[in-house]
PDB file of N, CA and C in Angstrom:
ATOM      1  N   UNK A   1       0.543  -1.533   0.016  1.00  0.00           N
ATOM      2  CA  UNK A   1       0.052  -0.467  -0.104  1.00  0.00           C
ATOM      3  C   UNK A   1       0.709   1.407  -0.105  1.00  0.00           C
ATOM      4  N   UNK A   2       0.654   2.158  -1.191  1.00  0.00           N
ATOM      5  CA  UNK A   2       1.882   3.321  -0.943  1.00  0.00           C
ATOM      6  C   UNK A   2       0.829   4.393   0.323  1.00  0.00           C
ATOM      7  N   UNK A   3       1.854   5.123   0.614  1.00  0.00           N
ATOM      8  CA  UNK A   3       1.803   6.375   1.696  1.00  0.00           C
ATOM      9  C   UNK A   3       1.040   7.473   1.591  1.00  0.00           C
ATOM     10  N   UNK A   4       0.099   7.693   1.823  1.00  0.00           N
ATOM     11  CA  UNK A   4      -0.809   8.876   1.030  1.00  0.00           C
ATOM     12  C   UNK A   4       0.294  10.057   1.239  1.00  0.00           C
ATOM     13  N   UNK A   5       0.607  11.226   0.537  1.00  0.00           N
ATOM     14  CA  UNK A   5       1.519  11.908   0.426  1.00  0.00           C
ATOM     15  C   UNK A   5       0.756  13.149   1.370  1.00  0.00           C
ATOM     16  N   UNK A   6       1.264  14.131   1.826  1.00  0.00           N
ATOM     17  CA  UNK A   6       0.608  14.709   2.511  1.00  0.00           C
ATOM     18  C   UNK A   6       0.492  16.380   1.768  1.00  0.00           C
ATOM     19  N   UNK A   7      -0.709  16.726   1.479  1.00  0.00           N
ATOM     20  CA  UNK A   7      -0.051  18.300   0.746  1.00  0.00           C
ATOM     21  C   UNK A   7      -0.277  19.050   2.244  1.00  0.00           C
ATOM     22  N   UNK A   8       0.721  20.254   1.648  1.00  0.00           N
ATOM     23  CA  UNK A   8       0.783  21.085   2.423  1.00  0.00           C
ATOM     24  C   UNK A   8      -0.691  21.684   2.675  1.00  0.00           C
ATOM     25  N   UNK A   9      -0.884  22.257   4.082  1.00  0.00           N
ATOM     26  CA  UNK A   9      -2.321  22.376   4.648  1.00  0.00           C
ATOM     27  C   UNK A   9      -2.024  23.844   4.250  1.00  0.00           C
ATOM     28  N   UNK A  10      -3.439  24.193   4.169  1.00  0.00           N
ATOM     29  CA  UNK A  10      -3.940  25.651   3.794  1.00  0.00           C
ATOM     30  C   UNK A  10      -4.221  26.829   5.102  1.00  0.00           C
ATOM     31  N   UNK A  11      -4.097  27.955   4.898  1.00  0.00           N
ATOM     32  CA  UNK A  11      -4.010  28.810   5.977  1.00  0.00           C
ATOM     33  C   UNK A  11      -5.672  28.861   5.965  1.00  0.00           C
ATOM     34  N   UNK A  12      -5.531  28.636   7.381  1.00  0.00           N
ATOM     35  CA  UNK A  12      -7.259  28.500   8.065  1.00  0.00           C
ATOM     36  C   UNK A  12      -7.446  29.825   8.677  1.00  0.00           C
ATOM     37  N   UNK A  13      -8.604  30.475   8.491  1.00  0.00           N
ATOM     38  CA  UNK A  13      -9.484  31.615   9.592  1.00  0.00           C
ATOM     39  C   UNK A  13      -9.962  31.018  10.736  1.00  0.00           C
ATOM     40  N   UNK A  14     -10.056  32.093  11.432  1.00  0.00           N
ATOM     41  CA  UNK A  14     -10.493  31.590  12.601  1.00  0.00           C
ATOM     42  C   UNK A  14     -11.618  30.550  12.639  1.00  0.00           C
ATOM     43  N   UNK A  15     -12.474  30.749  11.893  1.00  0.00           N
ATOM     44  CA  UNK A  15     -13.461  29.201  11.876  1.00  0.00           C
ATOM     45  C   UNK A  15     -13.129  28.204  11.465  1.00  0.00           C
ATOM     46  N   UNK A  16     -11.975  27.556  10.792  1.00  0.00           N
ATOM     47  CA  UNK A  16     -11.213  26.580  10.543  1.00  0.00           C
ATOM     48  C   UNK A  16     -11.804  26.857   8.607  1.00  0.00           C
ATOM     49  N   UNK A  17     -12.394  27.494   8.271  1.00  0.00           N
ATOM     50  CA  UNK A  17     -12.702  27.205   6.908  1.00  0.00           C
ATOM     51  C   UNK A  17     -10.928  27.768   6.260  1.00  0.00           C
ATOM     52  N   UNK A  18     -10.903  27.361   4.634  1.00  0.00           N
ATOM     53  CA  UNK A  18      -9.801  27.579   4.635  1.00  0.00           C
ATOM     54  C   UNK A  18      -9.616  29.528   3.940  1.00  0.00           C
ATOM     55  N   UNK A  19      -8.336  29.745   4.206  1.00  0.00           N
ATOM     56  CA  UNK A  19      -8.361  31.190   3.926  1.00  0.00           C
ATOM     57  C   UNK A  19      -8.310  31.454   2.315  1.00  0.00           C
ATOM     58  N   UNK A  20      -9.177  32.254   2.046  1.00  0.00           N
ATOM     59  CA  UNK A  20      -8.742  32.009   0.280  1.00  0.00           C
ATOM     60  C   UNK A  20      -7.685  34.052  -0.377  1.00  0.00           C
ATOM     61  N   UNK A  21      -7.111  33.799  -1.139  1.00  0.00           N
ATOM     62  CA  UNK A  21      -6.386  34.712  -1.665  1.00  0.00           C
ATOM     63  C   UNK A  21      -7.167  35.928  -2.062  1.00  0.00           C
ATOM     64  N   UNK A  22      -6.690  36.923  -1.865  1.00  0.00           N
ATOM     65  CA  UNK A  22      -7.381  38.050  -2.297  1.00  0.00           C
ATOM     66  C   UNK A  22      -7.720  38.155  -4.038  1.00  0.00           C
ATOM     67  N   UNK A  23      -7.022  37.446  -4.656  1.00  0.00           N
ATOM     68  CA  UNK A  23      -7.354  37.059  -6.160  1.00  0.00           C
ATOM     69  C   UNK A  23      -8.284  37.026  -6.680  1.00  0.00           C
ATOM     70  N   UNK A  24      -9.293  36.777  -5.894  1.00  0.00           N
ATOM     71  CA  UNK A  24     -10.859  37.037  -6.281  1.00  0.00           C
ATOM     72  C   UNK A  24     -11.323  38.232  -6.519  1.00  0.00           C
ATOM     73  N   UNK A  25     -10.990  38.652  -5.141  1.00  0.00           N
ATOM     74  CA  UNK A  25     -11.884  40.317  -4.898  1.00  0.00           C
ATOM     75  C   UNK A  25     -10.573  41.150  -5.929  1.00  0.00           C
ATOM     76  N   UNK A  26      -9.303  40.663  -5.922  1.00  0.00           N
ATOM     77  CA  UNK A  26      -8.888  41.923  -7.153  1.00  0.00           C
ATOM     78  C   UNK A  26      -9.536  42.123  -8.337  1.00  0.00           C
ATOM     79  N   UNK A  27      -9.646  40.962  -9.093  1.00  0.00           N
ATOM     80  CA  UNK A  27     -10.386  40.002 -10.216  1.00  0.00           C
ATOM     81  C   UNK A  27     -11.898  41.494 -10.425  1.00  0.00           C
ATOM     82  N   UNK A  28     -12.621  40.819  -9.023  1.00  0.00           N
ATOM     83  CA  UNK A  28     -13.812  41.342  -9.085  1.00  0.00           C
ATOM     84  C   UNK A  28     -13.877  43.409  -9.193  1.00  0.00           C
ATOM     85  N   UNK A  29     -12.477  43.508  -8.361  1.00  0.00           N
ATOM     86  CA  UNK A  29     -12.318  45.066  -8.238  1.00  0.00           C
ATOM     87  C   UNK A  29     -11.435  45.593  -9.521  1.00  0.00           C
ATOM     88  N   UNK A  30     -11.078  44.935  -9.984  1.00  0.00           N
ATOM     89  CA  UNK A  30     -10.348  45.445 -11.630  1.00  0.00           C
ATOM     90  C   UNK A  30     -11.705  45.645 -12.630  1.00  0.00           C
ATOM     91  N   UNK A  31     -12.822  44.779 -12.666  1.00  0.00           N
ATOM     92  CA  UNK A  31     -13.762  44.460 -13.835  1.00  0.00           C
ATOM     93  C   UNK A  31     -14.962  45.664 -13.688  1.00  0.00           C
ATOM     94  N   UNK A  32     -14.799  45.740 -11.730  1.00  0.00           N
ATOM     95  CA  UNK A  32     -15.711  46.650 -11.817  1.00  0.00           C
ATOM     96  C   UNK A  32     -15.242  47.928 -11.597  1.00  0.00           C
ATOM     97  N   UNK A  33     -13.519  48.109 -11.378  1.00  0.00           N
ATOM     98  CA  UNK A  33     -13.572  50.003 -11.931  1.00  0.00           C
ATOM     99  C   UNK A  33     -13.033  49.596 -13.661  1.00  0.00           C
ATOM    100  N   UNK A  34     -12.806  49.121 -14.176  1.00  0.00           N
ATOM    101  CA  UNK A  34     -13.072  49.324 -15.723  1.00  0.00           C
ATOM    102  C   UNK A  34     -14.222  49.487 -16.215  1.00  0.00           C
ATOM    103  N   UNK A  35     -15.190  48.730 -15.551  1.00  0.00           N
ATOM    104  CA  UNK A  35     -16.748  49.023 -15.698  1.00  0.00           C
ATOM    105  C   UNK A  35     -17.278  50.467 -15.371  1.00  0.00           C
ATOM    106  N   UNK A  36     -16.420  50.956 -14.618  1.00  0.00           N
ATOM    107  CA  UNK A  36     -16.585  52.086 -14.071  1.00  0.00           C
ATOM    108  C   UNK A  36     -16.139  53.112 -15.077  1.00  0.00           C
ATOM    109  N   UNK A  37     -15.402  52.755 -15.519  1.00  0.00           N
ATOM    110  CA  UNK A  37     -14.263  54.233 -16.712  1.00  0.00           C
ATOM    111  C   UNK A  37     -15.247  53.789 -18.074  1.00  0.00           C
ATOM    112  N   UNK A  38     -15.700  52.666 -18.218  1.00  0.00           N
ATOM    113  CA  UNK A  38     -16.236  52.623 -19.273  1.00  0.00           C
ATOM    114  C   UNK A  38     -17.623  53.770 -19.037  1.00  0.00           C
ATOM    115  N   UNK A  39     -17.895  53.328 -18.469  1.00  0.00           N
ATOM    116  CA  UNK A  39     -19.654  53.911 -18.059  1.00  0.00           C
ATOM    117  C   UNK A  39     -19.143  55.466 -17.991  1.00  0.00           C
ATOM    118  N   UNK A  40     -18.193  56.274 -17.350  1.00  0.00           N
ATOM    119  CA  UNK A  40     -17.827  57.722 -17.488  1.00  0.00           C
ATOM    120  C   UNK A  40     -17.866  58.110 -19.243  1.00  0.00           C
ATOM    121  N   UNK A  41     -16.814  56.812 -19.802  1.00  0.00           N
ATOM    122  CA  UNK A  41     -16.584  56.962 -20.596  1.00  0.00           C
ATOM    123  C   UNK A  41     -17.892  57.827 -21.799  1.00  0.00           C
ATOM    124  N   UNK A  42     -18.728  56.912 -21.355  1.00  0.00           N
ATOM    125  CA  UNK A  42     -19.769  56.804 -22.273  1.00  0.00           C
ATOM    126  C   UNK A  42     -20.885  57.788 -22.075  1.00  0.00           C
ATOM    127  N   UNK A  43     -20.836  57.905 -20.532  1.00  0.00           N
ATOM    128  CA  UNK A  43     -21.822  59.550 -20.021  1.00  0.00           C
ATOM    129  C   UNK A  43     -21.345  60.813 -21.028  1.00  0.00           C
ATOM    130  N   UNK A  44     -19.764  60.654 -20.829  1.00  0.00           N
ATOM    131  CA  UNK A  44     -19.092  61.683 -21.485  1.00  0.00           C
ATOM    132  C   UNK A  44     -19.412  62.171 -22.223  1.00  0.00           C
ATOM    133  N   UNK A  45     -19.207  61.217 -23.470  1.00  0.00           N
ATOM    134  CA  UNK A  45     -19.191  61.315 -24.673  1.00  0.00           C
ATOM    135  C   UNK A  45     -20.575  61.720 -24.970  1.00  0.00           C
ATOM    136  N   UNK A  46     -21.462  60.654 -24.446  1.00  0.00           N
ATOM    137  CA  UNK A  46     -22.991  61.341 -24.916  1.00  0.00           C
ATOM    138  C   UNK A  46     -23.227  62.727 -24.465  1.00  0.00           C
ATOM    139  N   UNK A  47     -22.861  63.330 -23.375  1.00  0.00           N
ATOM    140  CA  UNK A  47     -23.495  64.748 -22.775  1.00  0.00           C
ATOM    141  C   UNK A  47     -22.334  65.581 -23.797  1.00  0.00           C
ATOM    142  N   UNK A  48     -21.439  65.102 -24.468  1.00  0.00           N
ATOM    143  CA  UNK A  48     -20.655  65.838 -25.568  1.00  0.00           C
ATOM    144  C   UNK A  48     -21.455  66.048 -26.551  1.00  0.00           C
ATOM    145  N   UNK A  49     -22.055  64.799 -27.579  1.00  0.00           N
ATOM    146  CA  UNK A  49     -22.698  64.777 -28.196  1.00  0.00           C
ATOM    147  C   UNK A  49     -24.359  65.309 -28.286  1.00  0.00           C
ATOM    148  N   UNK A  50     -25.039  65.159 -27.333  1.00  0.00           N
ATOM    149  CA  UNK A  50     -26.296  65.794 -26.528  1.00  0.00           C
ATOM    150  C   UNK A  50     -25.362  67.622 -26.902  1.00  0.00           C
ATOM    151  N   UNK A  51     -24.653  67.747 -26.349  1.00  0.00           N
ATOM    152  CA  UNK A  51     -24.214  69.531 -26.129  1.00  0.00           C
ATOM    153  C   UNK A  51     -24.251  69.932 -27.799  1.00  0.00           C
ATOM    154  N   UNK A  52     -23.562  68.945 -28.804  1.00  0.00           N
ATOM    155  CA  UNK A  52     -23.743  69.525 -29.824  1.00  0.00           C
ATOM    156  C   UNK A  52     -24.949  69.513 -30.469  1.00  0.00           C
ATOM    157  N   UNK A  53     -25.841  68.792 -30.909  1.00  0.00           N
ATOM    158  CA  UNK A  53     -26.824  68.617 -31.240  1.00  0.00           C
ATOM    159  C   UNK A  53     -27.508  69.761 -30.438  1.00  0.00           C
ATOM    160  N   UNK A  54     -27.994  70.265 -29.205  1.00  0.00           N
ATOM    161  CA  UNK A  54     -28.491  71.124 -28.689  1.00  0.00           C
ATOM    162  C   UNK A  54     -27.730  72.408 -29.803  1.00  0.00           C
ATOM    163  N   UNK A  55     -26.853  72.670 -29.768  1.00  0.00           N
ATOM    164  CA  UNK A  55     -26.102  73.834 -30.329  1.00  0.00           C
ATOM    165  C   UNK A  55     -26.988  73.900 -31.964  1.00  0.00           C
ATOM    166  N   UNK A  56     -26.831  72.955 -32.587  1.00  0.00           N
ATOM    167  CA  UNK A  56     -27.252  73.236 -33.465  1.00  0.00           C
ATOM    168  C   UNK A  56     -28.454  73.059 -33.509  1.00  0.00           C
ATOM    169  N   UNK A  57     -29.040  72.750 -32.556  1.00  0.00           N
ATOM    170  CA  UNK A  57     -30.460  72.979 -32.811  1.00  0.00           C
ATOM    171  C   UNK A  57     -30.868  74.727 -32.721  1.00  0.00           C
ATOM    172  N   UNK A  58     -29.960  74.901 -31.599  1.00  0.00           N
ATOM    173  CA  UNK A  58     -30.348  76.594 -31.250  1.00  0.00           C
ATOM    174  C   UNK A  58     -30.264  77.403 -32.666  1.00  0.00           C
ATOM    175  N   UNK A  59     -28.981  76.718 -33.173  1.00  0.00           N
ATOM    176  CA  UNK A  59     -28.849  77.592 -34.795  1.00  0.00           C
ATOM    177  C   UNK A  59     -29.951  77.806 -35.591  1.00  0.00           C
ATOM    178  N   UNK A  60     -30.162  76.487 -35.565  1.00  0.00           N
ATOM    179  CA  UNK A  60     -30.893  76.555 -36.685  1.00  0.00           C
ATOM    180  C   UNK A  60     -32.451  76.966 -36.248  1.00  0.00           C
ATOM    181  N   UNK A  61     -32.959  77.440 -35.163  1.00  0.00           N
ATOM    182  CA  UNK A  61     -33.737  78.060 -34.360  1.00  0.00           C
ATOM    183  C   UNK A  61     -33.489  79.531 -35.110  1.00  0.00           C
ATOM    184  N   UNK A  62     -32.650  80.053 -35.008  1.00  0.00           N
ATOM    185  CA  UNK A  62     -32.614  81.414 -35.325  1.00  0.00           C
ATOM    186  C   UNK A  62     -32.706  81.553 -37.169  1.00  0.00           C
ATOM    187  N   UNK A  63     -32.627  80.690 -37.302  1.00  0.00           N
ATOM    188  CA  UNK A  63     -32.447  80.634 -38.615  1.00  0.00           C
ATOM    189  C   UNK A  63     -34.072  80.382 -39.100  1.00  0.00           C
ATOM    190  N   UNK A  64     -34.781  79.974 -38.703  1.00  0.00           N
ATOM    191  CA  UNK A  64     -36.394  80.001 -39.249  1.00  0.00           C
ATOM    192  C   UNK A  64     -37.277  81.309 -39.237  1.00  0.00           C
ATOM    193  N   UNK A  65     -37.546  81.471 -40.402  1.00  0.00           N
ATOM    194  CA  UNK A  65     -38.329  82.489 -41.121  1.00  0.00           C
ATOM    195  C   UNK A  65     -39.976  82.413 -40.652  1.00  0.00           C
ATOM    196  N   UNK A  66     -40.208  80.916 -40.177  1.00  0.00           N
ATOM    197  CA  UNK A  66     -41.492  80.804 -40.358  1.00  0.00           C
ATOM    198  C   UNK A  66     -42.304  80.090 -38.662  1.00  0.00           C
ATOM    199  N   UNK A  67     -43.437  80.288 -37.842  1.00  0.00           N
ATOM    200  CA  UNK A  67     -43.393  79.839 -36.672  1.00  0.00           C
ATOM    201  C   UNK A  67     -43.260  78.265 -36.712  1.00  0.00           C
ATOM    202  N   UNK A  68     -44.088  78.084 -38.238  1.00  0.00           N
ATOM    203  CA  UNK A  68     -44.252  76.512 -38.329  1.00  0.00           C
ATOM    204  C   UNK A  68     -42.953  75.520 -39.039  1.00  0.00           C
ATOM    205  N   UNK A  69     -41.606  76.614 -39.047  1.00  0.00           N
ATOM    206  CA  UNK A  69     -40.522  75.910 -39.179  1.00  0.00           C
ATOM    207  C   UNK A  69     -39.550  75.594 -38.104  1.00  0.00           C
ATOM    208  N   UNK A  70     -40.186  76.947 -36.747  1.00  0.00           N
ATOM    209  CA  UNK A  70     -39.778  76.468 -35.366  1.00  0.00           C
ATOM    210  C   UNK A  70     -40.570  74.906 -34.721  1.00  0.00           C
ATOM    211  N   UNK A  71     -41.984  75.029 -35.262  1.00  0.00           N
ATOM    212  CA  UNK A  71     -42.404  73.841 -34.784  1.00  0.00           C
ATOM    213  C   UNK A  71     -42.198  72.886 -34.910  1.00  0.00           C
ATOM    214  N   UNK A  72     -41.799  72.418 -36.087  1.00  0.00           N
ATOM    215  CA  UNK A  72     -41.318  71.479 -36.885  1.00  0.00           C
ATOM    216  C   UNK A  72     -40.172  70.788 -36.536  1.00  0.00           C
ATOM    217  N   UNK A  73     -39.369  71.923 -36.340  1.00  0.00           N
ATOM    218  CA  UNK A  73     -37.884  71.965 -35.750  1.00  0.00           C
ATOM    219  C   UNK A  73     -37.954  71.586 -34.356  1.00  0.00           C
ATOM    220  N   UNK A  74     -38.640  72.465 -33.115  1.00  0.00           N
ATOM    221  CA  UNK A  74     -39.101  71.828 -31.846  1.00  0.00           C
ATOM    222  C   UNK A  74     -39.681  70.401 -31.670  1.00  0.00           C
ATOM    223  N   UNK A  75     -40.298  69.701 -33.011  1.00  0.00           N
ATOM    224  CA  UNK A  75     -40.697  68.325 -32.860  1.00  0.00           C
ATOM    225  C   UNK A  75     -39.707  67.538 -33.390  1.00  0.00           C
ATOM    226  N   UNK A  76     -38.712  67.844 -34.811  1.00  0.00           N
ATOM    227  CA  UNK A  76     -37.855  67.129 -34.749  1.00  0.00           C
ATOM    228  C   UNK A  76     -36.777  66.725 -33.798  1.00  0.00           C
ATOM    229  N   UNK A  77     -36.467  67.511 -32.631  1.00  0.00           N
ATOM    230  CA  UNK A  77     -35.688  68.328 -31.735  1.00  0.00           C
ATOM    231  C   UNK A  77     -35.720  67.132 -30.523  1.00  0.00           C
ATOM    232  N   UNK A  78     -37.382  67.061 -30.545  1.00  0.00           N
ATOM    233  CA  UNK A  78     -37.733  66.042 -29.036  1.00  0.00           C
ATOM    234  C   UNK A  78     -37.697  64.989 -29.711  1.00  0.00           C
ATOM    235  N   UNK A  79     -37.791  64.434 -30.719  1.00  0.00           N
ATOM    236  CA  UNK A  79     -38.314  63.343 -31.243  1.00  0.00           C
ATOM    237  C   UNK A  79     -36.546  62.792 -31.340  1.00  0.00           C
ATOM    238  N   UNK A  80     -35.754  63.374 -31.924  1.00  0.00           N
ATOM    239  CA  UNK A  80     -34.098  62.947 -31.750  1.00  0.00           C
ATOM    240  C   UNK A  80     -33.750  62.653 -30.036  1.00  0.00           C
ATOM    241  N   UNK A  81     -34.025  63.676 -29.257  1.00  0.00           N
ATOM    242  CA  UNK A  81     -33.791  63.917 -28.206  1.00  0.00           C
ATOM    243  C   UNK A  81     -33.882  62.554 -27.997  1.00  0.00           C
ATOM    244  N   UNK A  82     -35.528  62.230 -27.695  1.00  0.00           N
ATOM    245  CA  UNK A  82     -35.706  60.737 -27.192  1.00  0.00           C
ATOM    246  C   UNK A  82     -35.116  59.461 -27.950  1.00  0.00           C
ATOM    247  N   UNK A  83     -34.928  59.476 -29.058  1.00  0.00           N
ATOM    248  CA  UNK A  83     -33.902  58.285 -29.795  1.00  0.00           C
ATOM    249  C   UNK A  83     -32.618  58.232 -29.147  1.00  0.00           C
ATOM    250  N   UNK A  84     -32.212  59.484 -28.941  1.00  0.00           N
ATOM    251  CA  UNK A  84     -30.762  59.554 -28.350  1.00  0.00           C
ATOM    252  C   UNK A  84     -30.519  59.510 -27.274  1.00  0.00           C
ATOM    253  N   UNK A  85     -31.290  59.975 -26.533  1.00  0.00           N
ATOM    254  CA  UNK A  85     -31.789  59.139 -24.519  1.00  0.00           C
ATOM    255  C   UNK A  85     -31.759  57.293 -24.813  1.00  0.00           C
ATOM    256  N   UNK A  86     -32.568  56.882 -25.583  1.00  0.00           N
ATOM    257  CA  UNK A  86     -32.878  55.670 -25.536  1.00  0.00           C
ATOM    258  C   UNK A  86     -31.782  54.706 -25.775  1.00  0.00           C
ATOM    259  N   UNK A  87     -31.381  55.251 -26.710  1.00  0.00           N
ATOM    260  CA  UNK A  87     -30.110  54.242 -27.390  1.00  0.00           C
ATOM    261  C   UNK A  87     -29.001  54.913 -26.010  1.00  0.00           C
ATOM    262  N   UNK A  88     -28.813  55.814 -25.749  1.00  0.00           N
ATOM    263  CA  UNK A  88     -27.687  55.992 -24.680  1.00  0.00           C
ATOM    264  C   UNK A  88     -28.038  54.809 -23.143  1.00  0.00           C
ATOM    265  N   UNK A  89     -29.188  54.850 -22.957  1.00  0.00           N
ATOM    266  CA  UNK A  89     -29.599  53.854 -21.926  1.00  0.00           C
ATOM    267  C   UNK A  89     -29.576  52.192 -22.364  1.00  0.00           C
ATOM    268  N   UNK A  90     -29.531  51.913 -23.568  1.00  0.00           N
ATOM    269  CA  UNK A  90     -29.495  50.900 -24.212  1.00  0.00           C
ATOM    270  C   UNK A  90     -27.667  50.329 -23.697  1.00  0.00           C
ATOM    271  N   UNK A  91     -26.743  51.786 -24.637  1.00  0.00           N
ATOM    272  CA  UNK A  91     -25.454  51.298 -23.938  1.00  0.00           C
ATOM    273  C   UNK A  91     -24.826  51.097 -22.779  1.00  0.00           C
ATOM    274  N   UNK A  92     -25.469  51.777 -21.683  1.00  0.00           N
ATOM    275  CA  UNK A  92     -25.376  51.755 -20.183  1.00  0.00           C
ATOM    276  C   UNK A  92     -26.360  50.709 -20.035  1.00  0.00           C
ATOM    277  N   UNK A  93     -27.035  49.794 -20.174  1.00  0.00           N
ATOM    278  CA  UNK A  93     -27.476  48.947 -19.873  1.00  0.00           C
ATOM    279  C   UNK A  93     -26.157  47.740 -20.222  1.00  0.00           C
ATOM    280  N   UNK A  94     -25.819  47.449 -21.506  1.00  0.00           N
ATOM    281  CA  UNK A  94     -24.906  46.690 -21.872  1.00  0.00           C
ATOM    282  C   UNK A  94     -23.641  46.814 -21.150  1.00  0.00           C
ATOM    283  N   UNK A  95     -22.779  48.044 -20.471  1.00  0.00           N
ATOM    284  CA  UNK A  95     -22.083  48.412 -19.911  1.00  0.00           C
ATOM    285  C   UNK A  95     -22.153  47.411 -18.359  1.00  0.00           C
ATOM    286  N   UNK A  96     -23.949  47.878 -17.558  1.00  0.00           N
ATOM    287  CA  UNK A  96     -23.651  47.141 -16.625  1.00  0.00           C
ATOM    288  C   UNK A  96     -24.467  45.900 -16.459  1.00  0.00           C
ATOM    289  N   UNK A  97     -24.492  45.057 -17.395  1.00  0.00           N
ATOM    290  CA  UNK A  97     -24.934  43.820 -18.137  1.00  0.00           C
ATOM    291  C   UNK A  97     -23.268  42.829 -17.809  1.00  0.00           C
ATOM    292  N   UNK A  98     -22.782  43.222 -18.799  1.00  0.00           N
ATOM    293  CA  UNK A  98     -21.116  43.387 -18.749  1.00  0.00           C
ATOM    294  C   UNK A  98     -20.171  42.992 -17.393  1.00  0.00           C
ATOM    295  N   UNK A  99     -20.322  44.104 -16.681  1.00  0.00           N
ATOM    296  CA  UNK A  99     -19.784  44.238 -15.172  1.00  0.00           C
ATOM    297  C   UNK A  99     -20.523  43.166 -14.683  1.00  0.00           C
ATOM    298  N   UNK A 100     -21.757  42.948 -14.414  1.00  0.00           N
ATOM    299  CA  UNK A 100     -22.277  41.613 -13.755  1.00  0.00           C
ATOM    300  C   UNK A 100     -22.014  40.510 -13.692  1.00  0.00           C
ATOM    301  N   UNK A 101     -21.289  39.997 -15.350  1.00  0.00           N
ATOM    302  CA  UNK A 101     -21.546  38.869 -15.587  1.00  0.00           C
ATOM    303  C   UNK A 101     -20.016  38.377 -15.520  1.00  0.00           C
ATOM    304  N   UNK A 102     -19.162  39.737 -15.707  1.00  0.00           N
ATOM    305  CA  UNK A 102     -17.825  39.608 -14.966  1.00  0.00           C
ATOM    306  C   UNK A 102     -17.701  39.250 -13.480  1.00  0.00           C
ATOM    307  N   UNK A 103     -18.514  40.080 -12.981  1.00  0.00           N
ATOM    308  CA  UNK A 103     -18.217  39.686 -11.306  1.00  0.00           C
ATOM    309  C   UNK A 103     -18.850  38.284 -11.292  1.00  0.00           C
ATOM    310  N   UNK A 104     -20.014  37.901 -11.770  1.00  0.00           N
ATOM    311  CA  UNK A 104     -20.386  36.588 -11.204  1.00  0.00           C
ATOM    312  C   UNK A 104     -19.559  35.703 -11.815  1.00  0.00           C
ATOM    313  N   UNK A 105     -18.705  35.993 -13.029  1.00  0.00           N
ATOM    314  CA  UNK A 105     -17.828  34.652 -13.192  1.00  0.00           C
ATOM    315  C   UNK A 105     -16.965  34.753 -12.538  1.00  0.00           C
ATOM    316  N   UNK A 106     -16.129  35.992 -11.422  1.00  0.00           N
ATOM    317  CA  UNK A 106     -15.336  35.411 -10.722  1.00  0.00           C
ATOM    318  C   UNK A 106     -15.541  34.726  -9.368  1.00  0.00           C
ATOM    319  N   UNK A 107     -16.708  35.723  -8.961  1.00  0.00           N
ATOM    320  CA  UNK A 107     -17.332  34.506  -7.657  1.00  0.00           C
ATOM    321  C   UNK A 107     -17.740  33.060  -7.871  1.00  0.00           C
ATOM    322  N   UNK A 108     -18.666  32.786  -8.599  1.00  0.00           N
ATOM    323  CA  UNK A 108     -18.105  31.553  -9.475  1.00  0.00           C
ATOM    324  C   UNK A 108     -17.549  30.348  -9.641  1.00  0.00           C
ATOM    325  N   UNK A 109     -15.970  30.882  -9.871  1.00  0.00           N
ATOM    326  CA  UNK A 109     -15.214  30.328 -10.162  1.00  0.00           C
ATOM    327  C   UNK A 109     -14.358  30.355  -8.951  1.00  0.00           C
ATOM    328  N   UNK A 110     -14.645  31.708  -7.836  1.00  0.00           N
ATOM    329  CA  UNK A 110     -13.896  31.662  -6.240  1.00  0.00           C
ATOM    330  C   UNK A 110     -14.514  30.412  -5.784  1.00  0.00           C
ATOM    331  N   UNK A 111     -15.718  30.603  -6.139  1.00  0.00           N
ATOM    332  CA  UNK A 111     -16.173  29.703  -4.836  1.00  0.00           C
ATOM    333  C   UNK A 111     -16.028  28.182  -5.251  1.00  0.00           C
ATOM    334  N   UNK A 112     -16.303  27.422  -6.263  1.00  0.00           N
ATOM    335  CA  UNK A 112     -15.922  26.323  -7.006  1.00  0.00           C
ATOM    336  C   UNK A 112     -14.315  26.507  -6.323  1.00  0.00           C
ATOM    337  N   UNK A 113     -13.595  26.405  -6.804  1.00  0.00           N
ATOM    338  CA  UNK A 113     -11.712  26.526  -6.715  1.00  0.00           C
ATOM    339  C   UNK A 113     -11.859  26.649  -4.741  1.00  0.00           C
ATOM    340  N   UNK A 114     -13.052  27.348  -3.879  1.00  0.00           N
ATOM    341  CA  UNK A 114     -12.650  27.080  -3.373  1.00  0.00           C
ATOM    342  C   UNK A 114     -13.304  25.971  -1.874  1.00  0.00           C
ATOM    343  N   UNK A 115     -14.297  25.423  -2.823  1.00  0.00           N
ATOM    344  CA  UNK A 115     -14.839  24.091  -2.521  1.00  0.00           C
ATOM    345  C   UNK A 115     -14.047  22.706  -3.290  1.00  0.00           C
ATOM    346  N   UNK A 116     -13.265  23.039  -4.074  1.00  0.00           N
ATOM    347  CA  UNK A 116     -12.469  21.696  -4.393  1.00  0.00           C
ATOM    348  C   UNK A 116     -11.545  21.711  -3.468  1.00  0.00           C
ATOM    349  N   UNK A 117     -10.752  23.083  -2.895  1.00  0.00           N
ATOM    350  CA  UNK A 117     -10.280  23.237  -1.678  1.00  0.00           C
ATOM    351  C   UNK A 117     -10.406  22.353  -0.794  1.00  0.00           C
ATOM    352  N   UNK A 118     -11.906  22.741  -0.303  1.00  0.00           N
ATOM    353  CA  UNK A 118     -12.129  22.199   0.706  1.00  0.00           C
ATOM    354  C   UNK A 118     -12.434  20.569   0.580  1.00  0.00           C
ATOM    355  N   UNK A 119     -12.648  20.322  -0.653  1.00  0.00           N
ATOM    356  CA  UNK A 119     -13.008  18.406  -0.468  1.00  0.00           C
ATOM    357  C   UNK A 119     -11.643  17.605  -0.673  1.00  0.00           C
ATOM    358  N   UNK A 120     -10.709  18.656  -1.481  1.00  0.00           N
ATOM    359  CA  UNK A 120      -9.520  17.784  -0.910  1.00  0.00           C
ATOM    360  C   UNK A 120      -8.951  17.643   0.400  1.00  0.00           C
ATOM    361  N   UNK A 121      -9.100  18.591   0.968  1.00  0.00           N
ATOM    362  CA  UNK A 121      -8.858  18.660   2.381  1.00  0.00           C
ATOM    363  C   UNK A 121      -9.160  17.701   3.293  1.00  0.00           C
ATOM    364  N   UNK A 122     -10.168  17.109   3.277  1.00  0.00           N
ATOM    365  CA  UNK A 122     -11.288  16.175   4.010  1.00  0.00           C
ATOM    366  C   UNK A 122     -10.848  14.946   3.949  1.00  0.00           C
TER     367      UNK A 122
END
């Protein structure tokens, strides 16, 4: 019968559970920081685009010769603004979904690794 080799035991916390490395927390933190940066870039870009469109509308409003032209311009402006905000909301949801998926993946992997380690130590 072959002798069972002892694997070095993993450091244990006060409650006896194996201590986990900080890597999963670091990975989740990096994913969150990346998402926060992407969110900020997206919002900044959106604000810049909206500002430009607002200026264009103001310039067009100044050149209106008839009241109906101004009403038509306001209608198109309102419609385009609503579409822009809807599109932007979709982009922000995509960013939030991505960070949620990344964080969940890190948590699942970390949990799976911890359970495997605990099972090996038993």
